[in-house]
Amino acid sequence: MRLALPLLLLLPSVALAQPPKAPPEVPRVLLLGDSIRLGYAPLVAKKLDGTAEVVHHKENGGDTATTLKNLDAWIEGVKPTVVHFNCGLHDLKFGKKANAHQVPIDDYEKNLRAIVARLKEATPHIVFATTTPILDDRHAQRKGDFDRFDKDVTAYNERAVKVMLELGVPVDDLNRIVRDGGAGALIGKDGTHYTPAGSERLADAVTDCVRRQLGLKNPTVLRAPASGPEAVKAYRDAEAAADKLVPEAFKKMRVPEFAVPASKDEWEKRRPDVRAKVVAALGDLPPRPEKPKAHLVSAEIRQGFRVERLRIDNGVDGVMSSLMIIPDGLKGPAPAVLWLHSSSYDHTQLLQPNTNGGEEPLGVTFAKRGWVVFAPDAAWYGDRAGQGPAGPRELTREQQDSLHKYHLWFGRTLWGMFVRDDQVALDYLCTRPEVDAKKIGATGISMGSTRSWWLAAVDDRVACAAGVACLTRYENLLHHGQLRQHGTYYFVTGLLKSFDSEGVIALIAPRPVLFLTGELDAGSPADGIQVIEGKVGGVYKAAGEPDRFRSVRYADVGHTYTPEMRKEVLAWFDRWLK
């Protein structure tokens, strides 16, 4: 639903200036806080226009005592879906005459707890924002009756973060955003408030954080897929009926056989030629940037981990939106998981409950195991939506088709650009000091699964991989008349002149790879999976590492991610990402 008017309402200290304009089904976001909030609130309202109604009071919220005093009036009549608030800039004022902080740090903590308790009566979706930096020298030039010191900002923020994590409130780390962007450039002459560029940077961070909270408004319900004898019979009957419709010319089409090597030496000699043919099928891809440029959009602190939202320049047609999760307590470079999303979601699914085979968000589950997690968005997902050749006029399928045509002009495939983008993401991941570049796994479901095994095939930096669904042998897909199961993005050029997808997957050997596939998945015909198992399993056996290849077929499961599959993926990475 698109709203025609900007969704910014100014509140006096005791009530709304006018009733909310948006219809009741539109979520409301209440922004509370001091003068820093006054700078970014109008910008946040514009950025969330059409998504949420932004409500905020027009005066400075002051310290925690003032906020607590006025909180009931500010909340009254709003019925917020999400509340984003900050307090601290006034609390830490150091009075020159009193030789004391305006609100001592212990009272600050007490007030914060009371504020959160009251806000939770209004909504479970609360976010606290850290106090932004102070430039001591600039602030001192004001020669006022109080000082502010950046060391106090640090102390008050540390106390606030401790409280929020205890209370289960995520923290929007605006302080980190300012330091990342350069406090000297973003903060104005008074050493406290922000230039237009600074307010814009803060607004981007707040908007991104709020969007994540809005995504929890209607959580996914984890439903068991259809299974059992009736589901199997229905699938087999439908498959048989569809097979009869396939013209004989396509049924007779045969792909050159991929010969299983007899020994490790034979495979090592053949592998370069196989790899060259696989890479050539992706098209004439442009070189990747020598050093990926990353822009930090937002940073959150949560119980047990940090969340970073990033934009990474792919060096060709724009920036890749992405999400990173960094566990707390890392004592050195840690294993990492490159999580590649499906065609139905973007990076946000990584933090959504009741998806990927479990109630707990898969990203949280990975982080609890001490793994860094990185999730880049593919070509028209996340922030990349509406960034194709026609701009915002084209989304999803139209953007896909235009990009497919565009890249063909330059002799490259859209799937090749998918793989290249995932390599750019891998390039960036390897630069992070938190990551052990020799222990990176790749995984995903559906399109994400295919992204995982293609990436592992062409890039040896992937130490192990796990794919859920979408293990497809192309000849069998054609024989069953199921090319329509996959979008235009999925296809490459010339591969079947040499071999089928077993040639691609074999390139992963001898690195560990796991496949979990339902036999009731029309996009991954089971007879094709059996061929892959025989061929690729043979390569691993020849390489002397048969236990590093594992494929599990579930007889009565379709295109889905089950709890059992999640257990298999976790066990696989537990074993190989050491």
Protein backbone atom coordinates (compact mmCIF):
# COMPACT_ATOMS: atom_id res chain seq x y z
CA MET A 1 0.00 0.00 0.00
CA ARG A 2 1.38 3.42 -0.96
CA LEU A 3 0.46 6.55 1.00
CA ALA A 4 0.40 9.86 -0.78
CA LEU A 5 1.41 12.10 2.13
CA PRO A 6 4.60 12.17 4.18
CA LEU A 7 4.01 10.37 7.47
CA LEU A 8 5.53 12.81 10.00
CA LEU A 9 3.48 14.02 12.95
CA LEU A 10 4.73 16.52 15.53
CA LEU A 11 3.56 16.08 19.06
CA PRO A 12 3.30 18.73 21.78
CA SER A 13 4.47 17.69 25.22
CA VAL A 14 1.13 16.30 26.31
CA ALA A 15 -0.77 15.01 23.26
CA LEU A 16 -0.83 14.50 19.50
CA ALA A 17 -1.32 17.69 17.50
CA GLN A 18 -3.92 15.86 15.42
CA PRO A 19 -5.24 12.31 15.08
CA PRO A 20 -2.98 9.96 13.13
CA LYS A 21 -3.66 10.25 9.41
CA ALA A 22 -2.76 6.73 8.40
CA PRO A 23 -5.32 3.93 8.33
CA PRO A 24 -5.14 1.60 11.34
CA GLU A 25 -3.47 -1.24 9.44
CA VAL A 26 -0.35 0.88 8.82
CA PRO A 27 2.20 0.32 11.61
CA ARG A 28 3.22 3.31 13.70
CA VAL A 29 6.77 4.09 14.74
CA LEU A 30 7.25 6.35 17.76
CA LEU A 31 10.61 8.14 17.92
CA LEU A 32 11.59 9.49 21.34
CA GLY A 33 14.73 11.32 22.35
CA ASP A 34 16.81 14.45 22.51
CA SER A 35 17.94 17.03 19.95
CA ILE A 36 19.89 14.43 17.97
CA ARG A 37 16.59 12.65 17.37
CA LEU A 38 15.03 15.95 16.28
CA GLY A 39 17.63 16.09 13.51
CA TYR A 40 17.01 12.65 12.06
CA ALA A 41 13.26 12.16 12.74
CA PRO A 42 11.92 14.05 9.67
CA LEU A 43 14.34 12.14 7.46
CA VAL A 44 13.30 8.80 8.93
CA ALA A 45 9.67 9.72 8.25
CA LYS A 46 10.45 10.27 4.57
CA LYS A 47 12.41 7.04 4.30
CA LEU A 48 9.56 5.04 5.86
CA ASP A 49 6.86 6.80 3.85
CA GLY A 50 4.48 4.14 2.56
CA THR A 51 5.80 1.59 5.05
CA ALA A 52 4.99 3.08 8.44
CA GLU A 53 3.64 6.21 10.10
CA VAL A 54 6.34 8.02 12.05
CA VAL A 55 5.25 9.90 15.17
CA HIS A 56 7.49 12.05 17.39
CA HIS A 57 7.22 14.95 19.83
CA LYS A 58 8.47 18.34 18.73
CA GLU A 59 10.53 19.31 21.77
CA ASN A 60 13.80 17.99 23.11
CA GLY A 61 13.15 14.90 25.23
CA GLY A 62 15.93 15.82 27.65
CA ASP A 63 17.36 13.43 30.21
CA THR A 64 15.88 10.17 31.47
CA ALA A 65 14.07 11.90 34.33
CA THR A 66 12.30 14.23 31.90
CA THR A 67 11.49 11.36 29.56
CA LEU A 68 10.03 9.34 32.40
CA LYS A 69 7.92 12.30 33.51
CA ASN A 70 6.43 12.86 30.04
CA LEU A 71 6.32 9.30 28.75
CA ASP A 72 2.62 8.65 29.37
CA ALA A 73 1.65 11.80 27.51
CA TRP A 74 3.92 11.00 24.58
CA ILE A 75 2.56 7.47 24.24
CA GLU A 76 -1.10 8.37 24.74
CA GLY A 77 -3.21 7.71 21.65
CA VAL A 78 -0.29 6.56 19.52
CA LYS A 79 -0.53 2.76 19.89
CA PRO A 80 2.96 2.29 18.47
CA THR A 81 4.11 -0.85 16.74
CA VAL A 82 7.76 0.07 17.32
CA VAL A 83 9.34 2.55 19.74
CA HIS A 84 12.87 3.79 19.06
CA PHE A 85 14.30 5.95 21.85
CA ASN A 86 17.51 7.49 23.11
CA CYS A 87 18.49 9.11 26.40
CA GLY A 88 21.90 10.04 27.69
CA LEU A 89 23.13 13.24 26.12
CA HIS A 90 21.54 15.36 28.86
CA ASP A 91 22.04 12.89 31.68
CA LEU A 92 25.81 13.08 31.29
CA LYS A 93 26.01 16.89 31.32
CA PHE A 94 28.64 17.88 33.87
CA GLY A 95 27.60 21.03 35.76
CA LYS A 96 30.51 23.30 36.48
CA LYS A 97 29.00 24.76 39.65
CA ALA A 98 27.56 21.51 40.98
CA ASN A 99 30.67 19.59 39.91
CA ALA A 100 28.37 16.66 39.11
CA HIS A 101 26.49 15.00 36.27
CA GLN A 102 22.91 16.12 35.66
CA VAL A 103 21.73 12.52 36.26
CA PRO A 104 24.28 10.33 38.06
CA ILE A 105 24.99 7.10 36.23
CA ASP A 106 23.28 4.88 38.83
CA ASP A 107 20.11 7.01 38.60
CA TYR A 108 20.45 6.89 34.82
CA GLU A 109 20.31 3.10 34.96
CA LYS A 110 17.32 3.15 37.31
CA ASN A 111 15.44 5.54 35.02
CA LEU A 112 16.21 3.49 31.92
CA ARG A 113 14.74 0.40 33.53
CA ALA A 114 11.58 2.30 34.40
CA ILE A 115 11.29 3.72 30.86
CA VAL A 116 11.60 0.27 29.28
CA ALA A 117 9.02 -1.18 31.69
CA ARG A 118 6.52 1.51 30.66
CA LEU A 119 7.27 1.14 26.94
CA LYS A 120 6.74 -2.61 27.11
CA GLU A 121 3.19 -1.93 28.22
CA ALA A 122 2.68 -0.24 24.85
CA THR A 123 4.61 -2.61 22.53
CA PRO A 124 7.08 -5.50 22.70
CA HIS A 125 9.09 -3.95 19.86
CA ILE A 126 11.46 -1.48 21.52
CA VAL A 127 14.87 -0.25 20.37
CA PHE A 128 17.33 1.85 22.35
CA ALA A 129 19.86 4.07 20.57
CA THR A 130 23.28 4.78 22.01
CA THR A 131 24.35 8.36 22.70
CA THR A 132 26.42 9.76 19.85
CA PRO A 133 30.01 11.01 20.30
CA ILE A 134 31.13 14.34 21.73
CA LEU A 135 34.09 16.23 20.28
CA ASP A 136 35.51 17.61 23.52
CA ASP A 137 37.51 20.48 22.01
CA ARG A 138 34.61 21.81 19.97
CA HIS A 139 32.17 21.46 22.84
CA ALA A 140 34.49 23.34 25.22
CA GLN A 141 34.47 26.33 22.88
CA ARG A 142 30.81 26.89 23.77
CA LYS A 143 31.94 28.09 27.22
CA GLY A 144 28.57 27.17 28.76
CA ASP A 145 27.76 26.44 32.39
CA PHE A 146 28.19 22.71 31.77
CA ASP A 147 30.59 20.43 29.95
CA ARG A 148 30.15 17.20 28.04
CA PHE A 149 32.99 14.71 27.68
CA ASP A 150 33.28 11.80 25.32
CA LYS A 151 34.63 9.59 28.12
CA ASP A 152 31.26 10.05 29.83
CA VAL A 153 29.48 9.12 26.60
CA THR A 154 31.40 5.86 26.67
CA ALA A 155 30.61 5.19 30.34
CA TYR A 156 26.90 5.97 30.03
CA ASN A 157 26.60 3.92 26.84
CA GLU A 158 28.27 0.94 28.47
CA ARG A 159 25.82 1.09 31.34
CA ALA A 160 22.85 1.54 28.99
CA VAL A 161 23.86 -1.38 26.75
CA LYS A 162 24.23 -3.61 29.81
CA VAL A 163 20.72 -2.69 30.97
CA MET A 164 19.13 -3.14 27.54
CA LEU A 165 20.65 -6.56 26.98
CA GLU A 166 19.42 -7.66 30.40
CA LEU A 167 15.94 -6.46 29.47
CA GLY A 168 15.95 -8.02 25.99
CA VAL A 169 15.99 -4.70 24.13
CA PRO A 170 18.15 -4.45 20.98
CA VAL A 171 20.51 -1.49 20.80
CA ASP A 172 20.85 0.70 17.71
CA ASP A 173 24.51 1.68 18.00
CA LEU A 174 24.40 5.19 16.54
CA ASN A 175 27.67 5.98 18.29
CA ARG A 176 29.38 3.34 16.16
CA ILE A 177 27.81 4.73 12.98
CA VAL A 178 29.19 8.21 13.66
CA ARG A 179 32.65 6.91 14.44
CA ASP A 180 32.62 4.76 11.31
CA GLY A 181 31.66 7.76 9.17
CA GLY A 182 34.17 10.09 10.83
CA ALA A 183 32.91 12.12 13.78
CA GLY A 184 34.92 15.16 12.74
CA ALA A 185 33.13 15.36 9.42
CA LEU A 186 29.62 14.48 10.60
CA ILE A 187 29.44 16.58 13.80
CA GLY A 188 28.97 20.34 13.62
CA LYS A 189 30.92 23.21 15.16
CA ASP A 190 29.40 22.78 18.63
CA GLY A 191 30.90 19.32 18.98
CA THR A 192 27.50 17.72 19.68
CA HIS A 193 24.96 18.25 16.89
CA TYR A 194 25.06 17.14 13.29
CA THR A 195 25.61 18.51 9.84
CA PRO A 196 22.94 17.64 7.24
CA ALA A 197 25.17 14.77 6.09
CA GLY A 198 25.47 13.56 9.67
CA SER A 199 21.72 13.58 10.25
CA GLU A 200 21.24 11.73 6.97
CA ARG A 201 23.69 9.05 8.03
CA LEU A 202 21.92 8.65 11.38
CA ALA A 203 18.52 8.53 9.67
CA ASP A 204 19.70 5.69 7.42
CA ALA A 205 20.77 3.72 10.47
CA VAL A 206 17.56 4.37 12.42
CA THR A 207 15.40 3.52 9.40
CA ASP A 208 17.21 0.26 8.81
CA CYS A 209 16.94 -0.74 12.45
CA VAL A 210 13.24 0.11 12.57
CA ARG A 211 12.56 -1.91 9.41
CA ARG A 212 14.05 -4.97 11.09
CA GLN A 213 11.72 -4.50 14.04
CA LEU A 214 8.71 -4.01 11.76
CA GLY A 215 9.56 -7.35 10.17
CA LEU A 216 8.74 -9.02 13.49
CA LYS A 217 5.22 -7.59 13.52
CA ASN A 218 3.74 -10.57 11.68
CA PRO A 219 6.12 -13.46 12.36
CA THR A 220 6.21 -16.46 10.09
CA VAL A 221 4.37 -19.55 11.28
CA LEU A 222 6.41 -22.70 10.77
CA ARG A 223 4.18 -25.24 9.04
CA ALA A 224 4.99 -28.86 8.37
CA PRO A 225 5.10 -29.62 4.62
CA ALA A 226 2.78 -32.13 3.02
CA SER A 227 4.23 -35.61 3.37
CA GLY A 228 3.29 -39.25 3.75
CA PRO A 229 1.94 -41.86 1.31
CA GLU A 230 -0.83 -39.64 -0.07
CA ALA A 231 1.61 -36.85 -0.88
CA VAL A 232 3.95 -39.31 -2.57
CA LYS A 233 1.15 -40.77 -4.70
CA ALA A 234 -0.14 -37.35 -5.71
CA TYR A 235 3.34 -36.25 -6.75
CA ARG A 236 4.07 -39.41 -8.72
CA ASP A 237 0.73 -39.24 -10.51
CA ALA A 238 1.31 -35.59 -11.45
CA GLU A 239 4.84 -36.36 -12.60
CA ALA A 240 3.67 -39.24 -14.81
CA ALA A 241 0.97 -37.09 -16.37
CA ALA A 242 3.45 -34.28 -17.07
CA ASP A 243 6.02 -36.69 -18.51
CA LYS A 244 3.53 -37.81 -21.16
CA LEU A 245 3.28 -34.25 -22.44
CA VAL A 246 7.01 -33.87 -23.13
CA PRO A 247 7.74 -34.11 -26.88
CA GLU A 248 9.97 -37.01 -27.93
CA ALA A 249 12.71 -34.67 -29.19
CA PHE A 250 13.30 -33.41 -25.64
CA LYS A 251 12.98 -36.85 -24.06
CA LYS A 252 15.70 -38.16 -26.38
CA MET A 253 18.11 -35.33 -25.67
CA ARG A 254 21.25 -36.68 -24.02
CA VAL A 255 24.13 -34.86 -22.34
CA PRO A 256 27.69 -36.18 -22.79
CA GLU A 257 28.52 -38.50 -19.93
CA PHE A 258 30.77 -37.29 -17.15
CA ALA A 259 33.30 -40.06 -16.64
CA VAL A 260 34.20 -40.85 -13.05
CA PRO A 261 37.98 -40.74 -12.57
CA ALA A 262 39.70 -43.94 -11.58
CA SER A 263 42.16 -42.29 -9.23
CA LYS A 264 43.07 -39.08 -7.43
CA ASP A 265 45.84 -38.39 -9.94
CA GLU A 266 43.46 -38.74 -12.86
CA TRP A 267 41.02 -36.27 -11.27
CA GLU A 268 43.75 -33.75 -10.53
CA LYS A 269 44.77 -33.85 -14.20
CA ARG A 270 41.19 -33.53 -15.48
CA ARG A 271 39.95 -30.96 -12.99
CA PRO A 272 41.47 -27.84 -14.65
CA ASP A 273 39.69 -28.62 -17.93
CA VAL A 274 36.38 -29.27 -16.17
CA ARG A 275 36.75 -26.04 -14.21
CA ALA A 276 37.56 -24.05 -17.36
CA LYS A 277 34.36 -25.30 -19.02
CA VAL A 278 32.27 -24.52 -15.94
CA VAL A 279 33.67 -21.00 -15.65
CA ALA A 280 33.21 -20.42 -19.39
CA ALA A 281 29.51 -21.33 -19.06
CA LEU A 282 29.06 -18.34 -16.74
CA GLY A 283 30.11 -15.97 -19.53
CA ASP A 284 32.72 -13.25 -19.85
CA LEU A 285 32.51 -11.87 -16.32
CA PRO A 286 34.12 -8.53 -15.48
CA PRO A 287 37.01 -8.61 -13.00
CA ARG A 288 36.09 -8.16 -9.36
CA PRO A 289 37.28 -5.12 -7.38
CA GLU A 290 40.72 -5.68 -5.89
CA LYS A 291 39.43 -4.51 -2.51
CA PRO A 292 35.67 -4.40 -1.94
CA LYS A 293 34.35 -1.07 -0.68
CA ALA A 294 31.91 -1.48 2.19
CA HIS A 295 29.59 1.10 3.74
CA LEU A 296 28.18 0.48 7.23
CA VAL A 297 24.47 1.32 7.20
CA SER A 298 23.53 0.31 10.73
CA ALA A 299 24.93 -1.53 13.73
CA GLU A 300 22.95 -3.31 16.42
CA ILE A 301 23.97 -4.84 19.70
CA ARG A 302 21.93 -7.86 20.77
CA GLN A 303 22.24 -10.52 23.42
CA GLY A 304 25.20 -12.66 22.39
CA PHE A 305 26.05 -10.98 19.07
CA ARG A 306 26.27 -7.82 16.96
CA VAL A 307 24.45 -7.14 13.72
CA GLU A 308 25.87 -5.03 10.91
CA ARG A 309 24.00 -3.94 7.79
CA LEU A 310 26.38 -3.20 4.94
CA ARG A 311 26.40 -2.08 1.35
CA ILE A 312 29.24 -3.44 -0.79
CA ASP A 313 30.16 -2.04 -4.21
CA ASN A 314 30.28 -4.88 -6.73
CA GLY A 315 32.24 -2.76 -9.21
CA VAL A 316 29.75 -3.16 -12.07
CA ASP A 317 26.15 -2.16 -11.50
CA GLY A 318 25.75 -0.94 -7.93
CA VAL A 319 25.93 -1.98 -4.32
CA MET A 320 25.03 -5.27 -2.68
CA SER A 321 22.98 -4.94 0.48
CA SER A 322 24.03 -7.47 3.09
CA LEU A 323 23.84 -8.50 6.73
CA MET A 324 26.59 -9.66 9.06
CA ILE A 325 26.24 -11.31 12.47
CA ILE A 326 29.28 -11.34 14.75
CA PRO A 327 29.18 -13.44 17.94
CA ASP A 328 30.33 -11.95 21.23
CA GLY A 329 33.43 -13.22 22.95
CA LEU A 330 35.54 -14.13 19.94
CA LYS A 331 39.13 -14.68 21.04
CA GLY A 332 40.50 -14.66 17.52
CA PRO A 333 39.47 -15.22 13.90
CA ALA A 334 36.47 -17.53 13.86
CA PRO A 335 34.79 -19.83 11.32
CA ALA A 336 32.23 -18.11 9.12
CA VAL A 337 29.11 -19.11 7.25
CA LEU A 338 28.17 -17.44 3.99
CA TRP A 339 24.37 -17.72 4.05
CA LEU A 340 22.87 -17.32 0.58
CA HIS A 341 19.16 -16.54 0.40
CA SER A 342 16.53 -18.21 -1.77
CA SER A 343 14.38 -16.67 -4.49
CA SER A 344 11.61 -16.00 -1.96
CA TYR A 345 13.51 -13.93 0.62
CA ASP A 346 16.44 -11.59 1.08
CA HIS A 347 19.01 -11.30 3.89
CA THR A 348 16.32 -10.42 6.44
CA GLN A 349 15.19 -14.05 6.67
CA LEU A 350 18.39 -14.84 8.53
CA LEU A 351 16.94 -13.13 11.63
CA GLN A 352 13.34 -14.26 11.19
CA PRO A 353 11.97 -16.92 13.54
CA ASN A 354 10.16 -20.00 12.29
CA THR A 355 12.11 -20.29 9.05
CA ASN A 356 14.91 -22.50 7.74
CA GLY A 357 13.66 -25.51 9.66
CA GLY A 358 13.42 -24.10 13.18
CA GLU A 359 11.75 -21.71 15.59
CA GLU A 360 14.97 -19.86 16.39
CA PRO A 361 16.31 -17.64 13.58
CA LEU A 362 19.03 -19.57 11.79
CA GLY A 363 21.44 -16.64 12.07
CA VAL A 364 21.07 -16.70 15.86
CA THR A 365 21.64 -20.47 15.90
CA PHE A 366 24.83 -20.06 13.87
CA ALA A 367 26.06 -17.21 16.11
CA LYS A 368 25.52 -19.29 19.24
CA ARG A 369 27.99 -21.80 17.79
CA GLY A 370 30.59 -19.05 17.52
CA TRP A 371 30.36 -18.61 13.75
CA VAL A 372 30.41 -15.26 11.99
CA VAL A 373 27.52 -15.13 9.51
CA PHE A 374 27.36 -13.09 6.30
CA ALA A 375 24.32 -12.81 4.04
CA PRO A 376 24.64 -10.84 0.76
CA ASP A 377 21.61 -9.97 -1.38
CA ALA A 378 21.35 -11.14 -4.99
CA ALA A 379 20.61 -8.87 -7.92
CA TRP A 380 17.07 -7.60 -7.21
CA TYR A 381 16.73 -8.27 -3.50
CA GLY A 382 16.99 -6.00 -0.46
CA ASP A 383 18.28 -2.54 -1.33
CA ARG A 384 18.95 -3.74 -4.88
CA ALA A 385 15.24 -3.87 -5.74
CA GLY A 386 14.47 -1.22 -8.34
CA GLN A 387 18.14 -0.70 -9.18
CA GLY A 388 18.14 -2.49 -12.53
CA PRO A 389 18.31 -0.99 -16.06
CA ALA A 390 14.88 0.70 -15.70
CA GLY A 391 15.33 1.85 -12.11
CA PRO A 392 12.31 1.73 -9.78
CA ARG A 393 9.90 1.08 -12.67
CA GLU A 394 10.91 -2.59 -12.61
CA LEU A 395 10.94 -4.97 -9.66
CA THR A 396 11.38 -8.73 -9.19
CA ARG A 397 10.55 -10.59 -12.43
CA GLU A 398 10.72 -7.53 -14.70
CA GLN A 399 14.04 -6.49 -13.20
CA GLN A 400 15.28 -10.07 -13.60
CA ASP A 401 14.34 -10.17 -17.28
CA SER A 402 15.96 -6.79 -18.00
CA LEU A 403 19.17 -7.78 -16.25
CA HIS A 404 19.21 -11.09 -18.14
CA LYS A 405 18.97 -9.22 -21.47
CA TYR A 406 21.49 -6.58 -20.40
CA HIS A 407 24.17 -9.04 -19.41
CA LEU A 408 23.74 -11.10 -22.59
CA TRP A 409 24.78 -8.02 -24.58
CA PHE A 410 28.15 -8.18 -22.85
CA GLY A 411 28.59 -11.93 -23.28
CA ARG A 412 27.82 -12.89 -19.70
CA THR A 413 24.97 -14.69 -18.02
CA LEU A 414 22.81 -13.43 -15.19
CA TRP A 415 23.71 -16.53 -13.18
CA GLY A 416 27.35 -15.76 -13.82
CA MET A 417 26.81 -12.34 -12.25
CA PHE A 418 25.11 -14.02 -9.29
CA VAL A 419 28.18 -16.19 -8.76
CA ARG A 420 30.49 -13.21 -9.25
CA ASP A 421 28.58 -11.17 -6.67
CA ASP A 422 28.85 -14.02 -4.20
CA GLN A 423 32.59 -14.06 -4.85
CA VAL A 424 32.71 -10.31 -4.12
CA ALA A 425 30.92 -11.08 -0.85
CA LEU A 426 33.50 -13.76 -0.16
CA ASP A 427 36.28 -11.28 -0.97
CA TYR A 428 34.88 -8.92 1.65
CA LEU A 429 34.32 -11.65 4.22
CA CYS A 430 37.97 -12.66 3.95
CA THR A 431 39.07 -9.11 4.86
CA ARG A 432 37.25 -9.10 8.20
CA PRO A 433 39.55 -9.57 11.21
CA GLU A 434 36.85 -11.61 12.96
CA VAL A 435 36.94 -14.28 10.22
CA ASP A 436 39.25 -17.23 9.71
CA ALA A 437 39.46 -17.13 5.92
CA LYS A 438 40.38 -20.83 5.82
CA LYS A 439 37.17 -21.85 7.57
CA ILE A 440 34.30 -20.44 5.52
CA GLY A 441 31.23 -22.53 4.78
CA ALA A 442 28.47 -21.74 2.28
CA THR A 443 24.83 -22.75 2.63
CA GLY A 444 21.28 -21.92 1.63
CA ILE A 445 17.96 -23.33 0.50
CA SER A 446 16.58 -23.44 -3.04
CA MET A 447 18.25 -20.69 -5.08
CA GLY A 448 20.55 -20.22 -2.10
CA SER A 449 21.53 -23.87 -2.26
CA THR A 450 22.39 -23.56 -5.94
CA ARG A 451 24.36 -20.39 -5.21
CA SER A 452 26.26 -22.35 -2.55
CA TRP A 453 27.37 -25.25 -4.71
CA TRP A 454 28.19 -23.12 -7.74
CA LEU A 455 30.28 -20.79 -5.58
CA ALA A 456 32.08 -23.71 -3.93
CA ALA A 457 32.74 -25.20 -7.38
CA VAL A 458 34.47 -22.13 -8.81
CA ASP A 459 36.07 -20.74 -5.64
CA ASP A 460 38.27 -22.98 -3.49
CA ARG A 461 38.06 -20.53 -0.57
CA VAL A 462 34.76 -22.19 0.37
CA ALA A 463 35.97 -24.80 2.84
CA CYS A 464 32.68 -26.74 2.94
CA ALA A 465 29.11 -26.39 1.71
CA ALA A 466 25.60 -27.54 2.56
CA GLY A 467 22.68 -27.23 0.15
CA VAL A 468 19.01 -27.71 1.05
CA ALA A 469 16.84 -28.46 -2.02
CA CYS A 470 17.68 -27.46 -5.59
CA LEU A 471 20.18 -30.22 -6.33
CA THR A 472 19.23 -30.39 -9.98
CA ARG A 473 20.53 -32.40 -12.89
CA TYR A 474 19.53 -30.46 -15.97
CA GLU A 475 18.96 -33.35 -18.41
CA ASN A 476 16.47 -34.93 -16.02
CA LEU A 477 14.77 -31.59 -15.48
CA LEU A 478 14.22 -31.36 -19.23
CA HIS A 479 13.01 -34.95 -19.57
CA HIS A 480 10.32 -34.28 -16.97
CA GLY A 481 9.26 -31.02 -18.66
CA GLN A 482 10.15 -28.93 -15.62
CA LEU A 483 12.34 -26.12 -16.94
CA ARG A 484 9.62 -23.72 -15.78
CA GLN A 485 10.44 -24.60 -12.18
CA HIS A 486 13.43 -22.26 -12.33
CA GLY A 487 13.68 -18.58 -13.22
CA THR A 488 15.69 -17.07 -16.05
CA TYR A 489 18.48 -16.22 -13.63
CA TYR A 490 19.23 -19.94 -13.15
CA PHE A 491 20.67 -20.80 -16.56
CA VAL A 492 24.14 -20.69 -18.14
CA THR A 493 25.51 -21.16 -21.64
CA GLY A 494 27.11 -24.20 -23.25
CA LEU A 495 27.49 -26.35 -20.15
CA LEU A 496 25.52 -29.32 -21.51
CA LYS A 497 27.83 -29.60 -24.51
CA SER A 498 30.37 -31.10 -22.12
CA PHE A 499 28.57 -32.58 -19.10
CA ASP A 500 25.69 -32.02 -16.71
CA SER A 501 25.66 -30.45 -13.24
CA GLU A 502 27.66 -33.34 -11.79
CA GLY A 503 30.64 -31.77 -13.54
CA VAL A 504 30.07 -28.54 -11.61
CA ILE A 505 29.59 -30.24 -8.25
CA ALA A 506 32.59 -32.52 -8.75
CA LEU A 507 34.83 -29.44 -8.66
CA ILE A 508 34.10 -29.13 -4.94
CA ALA A 509 35.97 -32.39 -4.27
CA PRO A 510 37.70 -33.14 -1.96
CA ARG A 511 36.16 -30.35 0.17
CA PRO A 512 33.12 -31.47 2.20
CA VAL A 513 29.68 -30.95 0.66
CA LEU A 514 26.24 -31.96 1.93
CA PHE A 515 22.96 -32.13 -0.01
CA LEU A 516 19.50 -32.53 1.52
CA THR A 517 16.68 -32.90 -0.99
CA GLY A 518 13.06 -33.94 -0.97
CA GLU A 519 12.07 -36.44 -3.66
CA LEU A 520 8.75 -34.64 -4.13
CA ASP A 521 10.51 -31.56 -5.50
CA ALA A 522 9.68 -31.06 -9.17
CA GLY A 523 12.59 -28.65 -9.56
CA SER A 524 15.03 -31.40 -8.53
CA PRO A 525 13.89 -34.70 -10.08
CA ALA A 526 14.97 -37.62 -7.91
CA ASP A 527 16.28 -39.70 -10.83
CA GLY A 528 18.71 -36.89 -11.61
CA ILE A 529 19.89 -36.70 -7.99
CA GLN A 530 20.67 -40.42 -8.13
CA VAL A 531 22.94 -39.81 -11.12
CA ILE A 532 24.70 -36.96 -9.30
CA GLU A 533 25.19 -39.13 -6.25
CA GLY A 534 26.80 -41.85 -8.32
CA LYS A 535 29.05 -39.57 -10.36
CA VAL A 536 30.13 -37.10 -7.67
CA GLY A 537 30.31 -39.80 -5.02
CA GLY A 538 32.68 -41.62 -7.38
CA VAL A 539 34.91 -38.55 -7.65
CA TYR A 540 35.16 -38.29 -3.87
CA LYS A 541 35.94 -41.99 -3.64
CA ALA A 542 38.67 -41.61 -6.24
CA ALA A 543 40.05 -38.66 -4.30
CA GLY A 544 40.23 -40.83 -1.18
CA GLU A 545 37.63 -38.80 0.74
CA PRO A 546 34.29 -40.63 0.35
CA ASP A 547 32.96 -39.38 3.71
CA ARG A 548 33.22 -35.77 2.56
CA PHE A 549 30.31 -36.17 0.15
CA ARG A 550 26.88 -36.79 1.61
CA SER A 551 23.51 -36.66 -0.11
CA VAL A 552 20.27 -37.40 1.70
CA ARG A 553 16.99 -37.86 -0.18
CA TYR A 554 13.73 -37.63 1.75
CA ALA A 555 11.14 -39.88 0.10
CA ASP A 556 8.01 -38.00 1.17
CA VAL A 557 9.25 -34.39 1.36
CA GLY A 558 8.99 -31.63 -1.24
CA HIS A 559 10.77 -28.31 -1.69
CA THR A 560 11.23 -27.32 1.93
CA TYR A 561 13.59 -26.94 4.89
CA THR A 562 12.66 -29.29 7.73
CA PRO A 563 13.92 -29.42 11.35
CA GLU A 564 15.71 -32.65 10.49
CA MET A 565 17.51 -30.88 7.65
CA ARG A 566 18.58 -28.09 10.02
CA LYS A 567 20.09 -30.68 12.37
CA GLU A 568 21.99 -32.20 9.45
CA VAL A 569 23.39 -28.82 8.34
CA LEU A 570 24.48 -27.90 11.86
CA ALA A 571 26.13 -31.28 12.38
CA TRP A 572 27.92 -30.95 9.03
CA PHE A 573 29.37 -27.56 9.87
CA ASP A 574 30.15 -28.67 13.43
CA ARG A 575 32.23 -31.42 11.88
CA TRP A 576 34.00 -29.53 9.11
CA LEU A 577 34.24 -25.89 10.27
CA LYS A 578 36.71 -26.60 13.06
